[in-house]
Amino acid sequence: MSGHEAQKRLAFAAEYGDVPHVLRLLSEGVDAKADDSWALRLAASNGHTECVRLLIRVSDPKAQNSAALVLAADRGGTECVEMLIQVSDPKTYNSQALQRAAKNEHLDVVDLLFEVSDPRKALQQIVEDFNKFNMQWQDHPGVVYLQQKITAQNDNAVLHQHVDFDGRNTTSQHVPRKKL
């Protein structure tokens, strides 16, 4: 079997979650990084957690701008996203993984990606995308959820900072910011 044929078989096995076949092909030395880690992307996009777990170690999770993470987020694959966050770049393409999770109303994935992404850039890109097609983003549950998380984060930051009597900024969890 040629290298290209073996890589196609690995991709097929990963796409359908065939763990024994993936294990066998990897033990035979099939290159999981071939075609920009296509097998990992297929496993992630189809939510095959065990295949992702096997392939993540021998693939390049940052290939194609962390496409495996984006595809897992797009699908709502919480377990796959949890694994891929650690080895991918969640901020790539204006935090595209977070955008996809919000657009598809995968709120648990939004929660996972929120702290490691750039939520403001993601929201800005979502709004631009919706506006291109004259779509109402203000009523979209995933987008509203993301906007609320950003607002809560901003409010929380304001609540934790206030000015003491000497004019110095200090941190407090109990005192809201004074109006000047």
N, C-alpha and C. Protein backbone atom coordinates (compact mmCIF):
# COMPACT_ATOMS: atom_id res chain seq x y z
N MET A 1 0.86 -1.18 0.00
CA MET A 1 0.00 0.00 0.00
C MET A 1 0.90 1.24 0.00
N SER A 2 0.61 2.18 -0.88
CA SER A 2 1.41 3.40 -0.98
C SER A 2 1.15 4.29 0.23
N GLY A 3 2.07 5.24 0.43
CA GLY A 3 1.92 6.19 1.54
C GLY A 3 0.65 6.99 1.42
N HIS A 4 0.34 7.41 0.18
CA HIS A 4 -0.88 8.21 -0.04
C HIS A 4 -2.12 7.37 0.27
N GLU A 5 -2.11 6.12 -0.15
CA GLU A 5 -3.25 5.24 0.11
C GLU A 5 -3.42 5.01 1.62
N ALA A 6 -2.32 4.83 2.32
CA ALA A 6 -2.37 4.62 3.78
C ALA A 6 -2.92 5.87 4.47
N GLN A 7 -2.52 7.05 4.01
CA GLN A 7 -3.01 8.29 4.60
C GLN A 7 -4.51 8.45 4.36
N LYS A 8 -4.96 8.06 3.18
CA LYS A 8 -6.39 8.10 2.89
C LYS A 8 -7.16 7.15 3.80
N ARG A 9 -6.59 5.98 4.07
CA ARG A 9 -7.24 5.02 4.96
C ARG A 9 -7.29 5.55 6.39
N LEU A 10 -6.22 6.20 6.82
CA LEU A 10 -6.20 6.80 8.15
C LEU A 10 -7.27 7.88 8.26
N ALA A 11 -7.38 8.70 7.24
CA ALA A 11 -8.39 9.75 7.25
C ALA A 11 -9.80 9.14 7.29
N PHE A 12 -10.02 8.11 6.52
CA PHE A 12 -11.32 7.45 6.49
C PHE A 12 -11.65 6.84 7.85
N ALA A 13 -10.68 6.15 8.44
CA ALA A 13 -10.89 5.54 9.76
C ALA A 13 -11.18 6.61 10.81
N ALA A 14 -10.46 7.72 10.76
CA ALA A 14 -10.68 8.80 11.72
C ALA A 14 -12.05 9.43 11.52
N GLU A 15 -12.45 9.62 10.28
CA GLU A 15 -13.75 10.22 9.99
C GLU A 15 -14.90 9.40 10.56
N TYR A 16 -14.74 8.08 10.55
CA TYR A 16 -15.81 7.20 11.02
C TYR A 16 -15.57 6.65 12.42
N GLY A 17 -14.54 7.13 13.09
CA GLY A 17 -14.31 6.76 14.47
C GLY A 17 -13.86 5.32 14.67
N ASP A 18 -13.17 4.76 13.69
CA ASP A 18 -12.70 3.38 13.75
C ASP A 18 -11.37 3.33 14.49
N VAL A 19 -11.45 3.27 15.82
CA VAL A 19 -10.28 3.33 16.68
C VAL A 19 -9.28 2.20 16.38
N PRO A 20 -9.72 0.94 16.29
CA PRO A 20 -8.75 -0.13 16.01
C PRO A 20 -7.98 0.09 14.70
N HIS A 21 -8.67 0.56 13.68
CA HIS A 21 -8.02 0.82 12.40
C HIS A 21 -7.03 1.98 12.52
N VAL A 22 -7.42 3.04 13.22
CA VAL A 22 -6.52 4.17 13.44
C VAL A 22 -5.27 3.70 14.18
N LEU A 23 -5.46 2.91 15.23
CA LEU A 23 -4.32 2.38 15.99
C LEU A 23 -3.39 1.56 15.11
N ARG A 24 -3.97 0.69 14.30
CA ARG A 24 -3.16 -0.17 13.44
C ARG A 24 -2.36 0.66 12.44
N LEU A 25 -3.02 1.62 11.81
CA LEU A 25 -2.33 2.44 10.81
C LEU A 25 -1.23 3.29 11.45
N LEU A 26 -1.50 3.82 12.62
CA LEU A 26 -0.46 4.59 13.31
C LEU A 26 0.72 3.70 13.69
N SER A 27 0.44 2.48 14.14
CA SER A 27 1.53 1.55 14.51
C SER A 27 2.35 1.14 13.29
N GLU A 28 1.75 1.21 12.11
CA GLU A 28 2.46 0.91 10.86
C GLU A 28 3.26 2.11 10.36
N GLY A 29 3.14 3.22 11.07
CA GLY A 29 3.94 4.39 10.73
C GLY A 29 3.31 5.35 9.74
N VAL A 30 2.01 5.27 9.56
CA VAL A 30 1.34 6.20 8.64
C VAL A 30 1.48 7.61 9.21
N ASP A 31 1.79 8.55 8.34
CA ASP A 31 2.04 9.94 8.73
C ASP A 31 0.72 10.66 9.01
N ALA A 32 0.43 10.91 10.28
CA ALA A 32 -0.81 11.58 10.67
C ALA A 32 -0.77 13.08 10.36
N LYS A 33 0.41 13.60 10.07
CA LYS A 33 0.52 15.03 9.74
C LYS A 33 0.28 15.30 8.26
N ALA A 34 0.11 14.24 7.49
CA ALA A 34 -0.10 14.39 6.05
C ALA A 34 -1.34 15.22 5.77
N ASP A 35 -1.30 15.93 4.69
CA ASP A 35 -2.43 16.77 4.26
C ASP A 35 -2.90 17.69 5.39
N ASP A 36 -1.92 18.31 6.04
CA ASP A 36 -2.22 19.25 7.13
C ASP A 36 -3.10 18.61 8.21
N SER A 37 -2.70 17.40 8.61
CA SER A 37 -3.39 16.67 9.69
C SER A 37 -4.88 16.48 9.38
N TRP A 38 -5.13 16.06 8.16
CA TRP A 38 -6.50 15.85 7.69
C TRP A 38 -7.25 14.85 8.56
N ALA A 39 -6.59 13.78 8.97
CA ALA A 39 -7.25 12.76 9.80
C ALA A 39 -7.74 13.37 11.13
N LEU A 40 -6.93 14.19 11.75
CA LEU A 40 -7.33 14.84 13.01
C LEU A 40 -8.53 15.74 12.77
N ARG A 41 -8.51 16.49 11.69
CA ARG A 41 -9.64 17.39 11.40
C ARG A 41 -10.93 16.60 11.19
N LEU A 42 -10.83 15.47 10.50
CA LEU A 42 -12.03 14.66 10.27
C LEU A 42 -12.55 14.06 11.58
N ALA A 43 -11.65 13.58 12.41
CA ALA A 43 -12.06 13.02 13.70
C ALA A 43 -12.73 14.10 14.55
N ALA A 44 -12.13 15.28 14.60
CA ALA A 44 -12.68 16.39 15.40
C ALA A 44 -14.03 16.85 14.87
N SER A 45 -14.15 16.96 13.55
CA SER A 45 -15.40 17.46 12.97
C SER A 45 -16.55 16.48 13.14
N ASN A 46 -16.22 15.22 13.38
CA ASN A 46 -17.26 14.21 13.57
C ASN A 46 -17.42 13.80 15.02
N GLY A 47 -16.69 14.46 15.92
CA GLY A 47 -16.84 14.21 17.34
C GLY A 47 -16.31 12.88 17.83
N HIS A 48 -15.34 12.33 17.15
CA HIS A 48 -14.77 11.04 17.55
C HIS A 48 -13.63 11.27 18.55
N THR A 49 -14.02 11.38 19.79
CA THR A 49 -13.12 11.77 20.88
C THR A 49 -11.90 10.87 20.99
N GLU A 50 -12.10 9.57 20.94
CA GLU A 50 -10.97 8.65 21.11
C GLU A 50 -9.99 8.77 19.94
N CYS A 51 -10.49 8.95 18.75
CA CYS A 51 -9.60 9.15 17.59
C CYS A 51 -8.83 10.46 17.73
N VAL A 52 -9.50 11.51 18.20
CA VAL A 52 -8.80 12.78 18.43
C VAL A 52 -7.71 12.57 19.46
N ARG A 53 -8.03 11.85 20.53
CA ARG A 53 -7.04 11.59 21.60
C ARG A 53 -5.80 10.88 21.03
N LEU A 54 -6.00 9.93 20.12
CA LEU A 54 -4.89 9.20 19.51
C LEU A 54 -4.11 10.07 18.53
N LEU A 55 -4.83 10.82 17.73
CA LEU A 55 -4.20 11.58 16.65
C LEU A 55 -3.54 12.88 17.11
N ILE A 56 -4.02 13.43 18.19
CA ILE A 56 -3.53 14.74 18.65
C ILE A 56 -2.03 14.70 18.95
N ARG A 57 -1.55 13.55 19.40
CA ARG A 57 -0.13 13.41 19.77
C ARG A 57 0.79 13.30 18.56
N VAL A 58 0.25 12.85 17.44
CA VAL A 58 1.09 12.60 16.28
C VAL A 58 0.73 13.50 15.09
N SER A 59 -0.17 14.42 15.31
CA SER A 59 -0.61 15.34 14.27
C SER A 59 -0.13 16.75 14.61
N ASP A 60 -0.53 17.70 13.78
CA ASP A 60 -0.26 19.11 14.06
C ASP A 60 -1.60 19.80 14.29
N PRO A 61 -2.03 19.94 15.54
CA PRO A 61 -3.33 20.55 15.82
C PRO A 61 -3.45 22.00 15.35
N LYS A 62 -2.32 22.67 15.12
CA LYS A 62 -2.38 24.06 14.65
C LYS A 62 -2.43 24.16 13.13
N ALA A 63 -2.42 23.01 12.45
CA ALA A 63 -2.47 23.02 10.98
C ALA A 63 -3.75 23.69 10.50
N GLN A 64 -3.64 24.35 9.36
CA GLN A 64 -4.78 25.04 8.76
C GLN A 64 -5.45 25.98 9.76
N ASN A 65 -4.61 26.74 10.48
CA ASN A 65 -5.11 27.72 11.45
C ASN A 65 -6.01 27.09 12.51
N SER A 66 -5.50 26.01 13.09
CA SER A 66 -6.22 25.29 14.15
C SER A 66 -7.60 24.83 13.69
N ALA A 67 -7.65 24.33 12.47
CA ALA A 67 -8.93 23.91 11.88
C ALA A 67 -9.61 22.80 12.67
N ALA A 68 -8.84 21.90 13.27
CA ALA A 68 -9.48 20.83 14.06
C ALA A 68 -10.29 21.42 15.21
N LEU A 69 -9.75 22.42 15.90
CA LEU A 69 -10.46 23.09 16.98
C LEU A 69 -11.70 23.80 16.45
N VAL A 70 -11.56 24.50 15.34
CA VAL A 70 -12.69 25.23 14.75
C VAL A 70 -13.81 24.25 14.39
N LEU A 71 -13.44 23.12 13.78
CA LEU A 71 -14.44 22.14 13.37
C LEU A 71 -15.12 21.48 14.57
N ALA A 72 -14.35 21.20 15.61
CA ALA A 72 -14.94 20.63 16.82
C ALA A 72 -15.90 21.62 17.47
N ALA A 73 -15.52 22.89 17.51
CA ALA A 73 -16.38 23.94 18.09
C ALA A 73 -17.64 24.11 17.25
N ASP A 74 -17.48 24.06 15.95
CA ASP A 74 -18.60 24.20 15.02
C ASP A 74 -19.64 23.10 15.27
N ARG A 75 -19.16 21.91 15.57
CA ARG A 75 -20.03 20.77 15.81
C ARG A 75 -20.57 20.75 17.24
N GLY A 76 -19.88 21.41 18.15
CA GLY A 76 -20.29 21.38 19.54
C GLY A 76 -19.68 20.23 20.31
N GLY A 77 -18.56 19.74 19.83
CA GLY A 77 -17.90 18.61 20.46
C GLY A 77 -17.09 19.03 21.67
N THR A 78 -17.74 19.09 22.80
CA THR A 78 -17.14 19.60 24.03
C THR A 78 -15.85 18.87 24.39
N GLU A 79 -15.87 17.54 24.36
CA GLU A 79 -14.67 16.78 24.75
C GLU A 79 -13.52 17.02 23.78
N CYS A 80 -13.83 17.05 22.50
CA CYS A 80 -12.78 17.31 21.51
C CYS A 80 -12.22 18.72 21.68
N VAL A 81 -13.10 19.68 21.91
CA VAL A 81 -12.65 21.06 22.12
C VAL A 81 -11.75 21.13 23.35
N GLU A 82 -12.13 20.47 24.43
CA GLU A 82 -11.31 20.48 25.65
C GLU A 82 -9.89 19.98 25.38
N MET A 83 -9.76 18.93 24.57
CA MET A 83 -8.43 18.40 24.24
C MET A 83 -7.67 19.34 23.32
N LEU A 84 -8.35 19.87 22.33
CA LEU A 84 -7.69 20.66 21.29
C LEU A 84 -7.32 22.06 21.77
N ILE A 85 -8.05 22.62 22.72
CA ILE A 85 -7.73 23.96 23.24
C ILE A 85 -6.28 24.02 23.71
N GLN A 86 -5.84 22.95 24.35
CA GLN A 86 -4.52 22.93 24.97
C GLN A 86 -3.37 22.95 23.96
N VAL A 87 -3.65 22.54 22.72
CA VAL A 87 -2.57 22.40 21.74
C VAL A 87 -2.83 23.20 20.47
N SER A 88 -3.86 24.00 20.46
CA SER A 88 -4.23 24.79 19.29
C SER A 88 -4.10 26.28 19.60
N ASP A 89 -4.45 27.09 18.62
CA ASP A 89 -4.45 28.54 18.82
C ASP A 89 -5.89 29.03 18.72
N PRO A 90 -6.59 29.15 19.85
CA PRO A 90 -7.99 29.56 19.83
C PRO A 90 -8.22 30.99 19.33
N LYS A 91 -7.17 31.79 19.25
CA LYS A 91 -7.34 33.19 18.82
C LYS A 91 -7.19 33.38 17.31
N THR A 92 -6.85 32.32 16.60
CA THR A 92 -6.64 32.47 15.17
C THR A 92 -7.92 32.88 14.45
N TYR A 93 -7.75 33.68 13.41
CA TYR A 93 -8.87 34.19 12.60
C TYR A 93 -9.96 34.82 13.46
N ASN A 94 -9.58 35.78 14.28
CA ASN A 94 -10.54 36.49 15.14
C ASN A 94 -11.33 35.50 16.01
N SER A 95 -10.60 34.53 16.55
CA SER A 95 -11.22 33.53 17.43
C SER A 95 -12.36 32.80 16.72
N GLN A 96 -12.02 32.26 15.56
CA GLN A 96 -13.03 31.60 14.73
C GLN A 96 -13.73 30.44 15.44
N ALA A 97 -13.02 29.70 16.27
CA ALA A 97 -13.66 28.60 16.99
C ALA A 97 -14.77 29.14 17.89
N LEU A 98 -14.51 30.22 18.59
CA LEU A 98 -15.53 30.85 19.44
C LEU A 98 -16.68 31.38 18.59
N GLN A 99 -16.38 31.97 17.46
CA GLN A 99 -17.43 32.45 16.56
C GLN A 99 -18.36 31.31 16.16
N ARG A 100 -17.77 30.20 15.74
CA ARG A 100 -18.57 29.06 15.29
C ARG A 100 -19.42 28.49 16.41
N ALA A 101 -18.84 28.40 17.60
CA ALA A 101 -19.61 27.87 18.74
C ALA A 101 -20.80 28.78 19.04
N ALA A 102 -20.58 30.09 19.04
CA ALA A 102 -21.67 31.03 19.32
C ALA A 102 -22.73 30.99 18.22
N LYS A 103 -22.31 31.02 16.97
CA LYS A 103 -23.26 31.00 15.86
C LYS A 103 -24.13 29.74 15.87
N ASN A 104 -23.56 28.63 16.32
CA ASN A 104 -24.29 27.37 16.33
C ASN A 104 -24.92 27.05 17.69
N GLU A 105 -24.88 28.05 18.58
CA GLU A 105 -25.54 27.96 19.88
C GLU A 105 -25.01 26.82 20.74
N HIS A 106 -23.71 26.55 20.64
CA HIS A 106 -23.06 25.56 21.50
C HIS A 106 -22.50 26.31 22.71
N LEU A 107 -23.39 26.63 23.64
CA LEU A 107 -23.04 27.52 24.74
C LEU A 107 -21.99 26.91 25.67
N ASP A 108 -21.99 25.60 25.82
CA ASP A 108 -20.97 24.97 26.66
C ASP A 108 -19.59 25.12 26.03
N VAL A 109 -19.54 25.10 24.71
CA VAL A 109 -18.27 25.30 24.01
C VAL A 109 -17.87 26.78 24.08
N VAL A 110 -18.84 27.67 24.00
CA VAL A 110 -18.54 29.10 24.18
C VAL A 110 -17.88 29.31 25.54
N ASP A 111 -18.42 28.67 26.57
CA ASP A 111 -17.84 28.79 27.91
C ASP A 111 -16.39 28.29 27.94
N LEU A 112 -16.12 27.18 27.26
CA LEU A 112 -14.76 26.63 27.24
C LEU A 112 -13.78 27.56 26.53
N LEU A 113 -14.23 28.17 25.45
CA LEU A 113 -13.35 28.97 24.62
C LEU A 113 -13.23 30.43 25.07
N PHE A 114 -14.16 30.89 25.87
CA PHE A 114 -14.25 32.31 26.20
C PHE A 114 -12.95 32.87 26.77
N GLU A 115 -12.38 32.24 27.76
CA GLU A 115 -11.20 32.77 28.44
C GLU A 115 -9.91 32.64 27.62
N VAL A 116 -9.87 31.73 26.65
CA VAL A 116 -8.64 31.51 25.89
C VAL A 116 -8.70 32.14 24.50
N SER A 117 -9.81 32.76 24.19
CA SER A 117 -10.01 33.41 22.89
C SER A 117 -10.03 34.92 23.07
N ASP A 118 -10.32 35.61 22.00
CA ASP A 118 -10.52 37.05 22.06
C ASP A 118 -12.01 37.30 21.79
N PRO A 119 -12.84 37.27 22.82
CA PRO A 119 -14.29 37.34 22.62
C PRO A 119 -14.77 38.62 21.93
N ARG A 120 -14.10 39.74 22.18
CA ARG A 120 -14.52 40.98 21.53
C ARG A 120 -14.31 40.92 20.02
N LYS A 121 -13.16 40.40 19.61
CA LYS A 121 -12.91 40.26 18.17
C LYS A 121 -13.88 39.26 17.56
N ALA A 122 -14.16 38.19 18.29
CA ALA A 122 -15.11 37.19 17.79
C ALA A 122 -16.48 37.82 17.58
N LEU A 123 -16.95 38.56 18.57
CA LEU A 123 -18.26 39.20 18.47
C LEU A 123 -18.28 40.22 17.33
N GLN A 124 -17.22 40.99 17.20
CA GLN A 124 -17.15 41.97 16.12
C GLN A 124 -17.24 41.28 14.77
N GLN A 125 -16.54 40.16 14.60
CA GLN A 125 -16.57 39.44 13.33
C GLN A 125 -17.96 38.84 13.07
N ILE A 126 -18.58 38.32 14.11
CA ILE A 126 -19.93 37.76 13.96
C ILE A 126 -20.90 38.84 13.50
N VAL A 127 -20.83 40.01 14.14
CA VAL A 127 -21.72 41.11 13.78
C VAL A 127 -21.48 41.52 12.32
N GLU A 128 -20.22 41.61 11.92
CA GLU A 128 -19.91 41.94 10.52
C GLU A 128 -20.49 40.90 9.57
N ASP A 129 -20.33 39.62 9.93
CA ASP A 129 -20.85 38.54 9.08
C ASP A 129 -22.37 38.62 8.96
N PHE A 130 -23.05 38.83 10.08
CA PHE A 130 -24.51 38.92 10.05
C PHE A 130 -24.95 40.14 9.25
N ASN A 131 -24.27 41.26 9.43
CA ASN A 131 -24.65 42.48 8.72
C ASN A 131 -24.46 42.35 7.21
N LYS A 132 -23.47 41.58 6.77
CA LYS A 132 -23.26 41.37 5.33
C LYS A 132 -24.50 40.80 4.67
N PHE A 133 -25.22 39.98 5.40
CA PHE A 133 -26.38 39.31 4.84
C PHE A 133 -27.70 39.84 5.40
N ASN A 134 -27.62 41.05 5.98
CA ASN A 134 -28.81 41.69 6.56
C ASN A 134 -29.55 40.78 7.52
N MET A 135 -28.79 40.06 8.33
CA MET A 135 -29.37 39.16 9.32
C MET A 135 -29.38 39.84 10.69
N GLN A 136 -30.35 39.51 11.50
CA GLN A 136 -30.49 40.10 12.82
C GLN A 136 -29.67 39.29 13.83
N TRP A 137 -28.57 39.83 14.23
CA TRP A 137 -27.74 39.14 15.22
C TRP A 137 -28.21 39.39 16.64
N GLN A 138 -28.94 40.49 16.85
CA GLN A 138 -29.35 40.88 18.19
C GLN A 138 -30.28 39.85 18.84
N ASP A 139 -30.95 39.04 18.05
CA ASP A 139 -31.88 38.05 18.59
C ASP A 139 -31.32 36.63 18.53
N HIS A 140 -30.12 36.47 18.05
CA HIS A 140 -29.53 35.13 17.92
C HIS A 140 -29.05 34.67 19.30
N PRO A 141 -29.58 33.55 19.81
CA PRO A 141 -29.27 33.13 21.18
C PRO A 141 -27.77 32.96 21.47
N GLY A 142 -27.03 32.39 20.56
CA GLY A 142 -25.60 32.19 20.80
C GLY A 142 -24.83 33.49 20.83
N VAL A 143 -25.21 34.41 19.95
CA VAL A 143 -24.54 35.70 19.89
C VAL A 143 -24.90 36.54 21.11
N VAL A 144 -26.16 36.50 21.50
CA VAL A 144 -26.60 37.23 22.70
C VAL A 144 -25.85 36.68 23.92
N TYR A 145 -25.70 35.37 24.00
CA TYR A 145 -24.99 34.75 25.12
C TYR A 145 -23.54 35.24 25.18
N LEU A 146 -22.89 35.27 24.03
CA LEU A 146 -21.51 35.75 23.97
C LEU A 146 -21.44 37.21 24.39
N GLN A 147 -22.37 38.02 23.90
CA GLN A 147 -22.40 39.44 24.25
C GLN A 147 -22.62 39.61 25.76
N GLN A 148 -23.48 38.81 26.34
CA GLN A 148 -23.73 38.89 27.79
C GLN A 148 -22.48 38.50 28.59
N LYS A 149 -21.76 37.49 28.12
CA LYS A 149 -20.53 37.09 28.82
C LYS A 149 -19.49 38.21 28.78
N ILE A 150 -19.38 38.87 27.63
CA ILE A 150 -18.44 39.99 27.50
C ILE A 150 -18.85 41.12 28.44
N THR A 151 -20.14 41.44 28.46
CA THR A 151 -20.64 42.49 29.34
C THR A 151 -20.39 42.13 30.81
N ALA A 152 -20.66 40.89 31.18
CA ALA A 152 -20.43 40.45 32.56
C ALA A 152 -18.96 40.54 32.92
N GLN A 153 -18.10 40.19 31.98
CA GLN A 153 -16.66 40.28 32.23
C GLN A 153 -16.26 41.74 32.45
N ASN A 154 -16.79 42.63 31.64
CA ASN A 154 -16.49 44.06 31.80
C ASN A 154 -17.04 44.59 33.12
N ASP A 155 -18.27 44.21 33.46
CA ASP A 155 -18.87 44.65 34.72
C ASP A 155 -18.09 44.12 35.90
N ASN A 156 -17.66 42.89 35.82
CA ASN A 156 -16.89 42.27 36.89
C ASN A 156 -15.56 43.00 37.09
N ALA A 157 -14.93 43.37 35.99
CA ALA A 157 -13.66 44.11 36.09
C ALA A 157 -13.87 45.46 36.75
N VAL A 158 -14.97 46.12 36.44
CA VAL A 158 -15.27 47.42 37.04
C VAL A 158 -15.58 47.25 38.52
N LEU A 159 -16.30 46.20 38.88
CA LEU A 159 -16.64 45.97 40.28
C LEU A 159 -15.42 45.69 41.13
N HIS A 160 -14.40 45.10 40.55
CA HIS A 160 -13.21 44.72 41.30
C HIS A 160 -12.21 45.86 41.44
N GLN A 161 -12.43 46.95 40.73
CA GLN A 161 -11.47 48.04 40.80
C GLN A 161 -12.17 49.29 41.32
N HIS A 162 -11.55 49.95 42.25
CA HIS A 162 -12.07 51.23 42.71
C HIS A 162 -10.88 52.11 43.12
N VAL A 163 -11.18 53.35 43.35
CA VAL A 163 -10.14 54.29 43.74
C VAL A 163 -10.24 54.52 45.24
N ASP A 164 -9.11 54.36 45.93
CA ASP A 164 -9.15 54.59 47.38
C ASP A 164 -9.02 56.09 47.67
N PHE A 165 -8.99 56.46 48.93
CA PHE A 165 -8.99 57.88 49.31
C PHE A 165 -7.72 58.62 48.91
N ASP A 166 -6.64 57.89 48.68
CA ASP A 166 -5.40 58.53 48.26
C ASP A 166 -5.31 58.66 46.73
N GLY A 167 -6.34 58.24 46.02
CA GLY A 167 -6.33 58.34 44.58
C GLY A 167 -5.64 57.17 43.89
N ARG A 168 -5.25 56.15 44.65
CA ARG A 168 -4.60 54.98 44.05
C ARG A 168 -5.66 53.96 43.64
N ASN A 169 -5.38 53.25 42.55
CA ASN A 169 -6.26 52.15 42.16
C ASN A 169 -5.95 50.96 43.05
N THR A 170 -6.98 50.37 43.60
CA THR A 170 -6.82 49.17 44.40
C THR A 170 -7.83 48.15 43.92
N THR A 171 -7.68 46.94 44.38
CA THR A 171 -8.59 45.88 43.97
C THR A 171 -9.45 45.46 45.14
N SER A 172 -10.71 45.28 44.87
CA SER A 172 -11.64 44.85 45.91
C SER A 172 -12.75 44.04 45.26
N GLN A 173 -13.21 43.03 45.93
CA GLN A 173 -14.32 42.26 45.41
C GLN A 173 -15.65 42.77 45.96
N HIS A 174 -15.62 43.74 46.81
CA HIS A 174 -16.85 44.15 47.48
C HIS A 174 -17.25 45.58 47.18
N VAL A 175 -16.35 46.41 46.75
CA VAL A 175 -16.64 47.82 46.58
C VAL A 175 -16.74 48.16 45.11
N PRO A 176 -17.91 48.65 44.65
CA PRO A 176 -18.02 49.06 43.25
C PRO A 176 -17.22 50.34 42.99
N ARG A 177 -16.93 50.57 41.71
CA ARG A 177 -16.15 51.73 41.33
C ARG A 177 -16.91 53.00 41.69
N LYS A 178 -16.17 53.96 42.28
CA LYS A 178 -16.78 55.25 42.64
C LYS A 178 -16.97 56.07 41.39
N LYS A 179 -18.04 56.82 41.36
CA LYS A 179 -18.26 57.77 40.27
C LYS A 179 -17.47 59.01 40.58
N LEU A 180 -16.74 59.47 39.61
CA LEU A 180 -15.91 60.67 39.82
C LEU A 180 -16.56 61.88 39.23
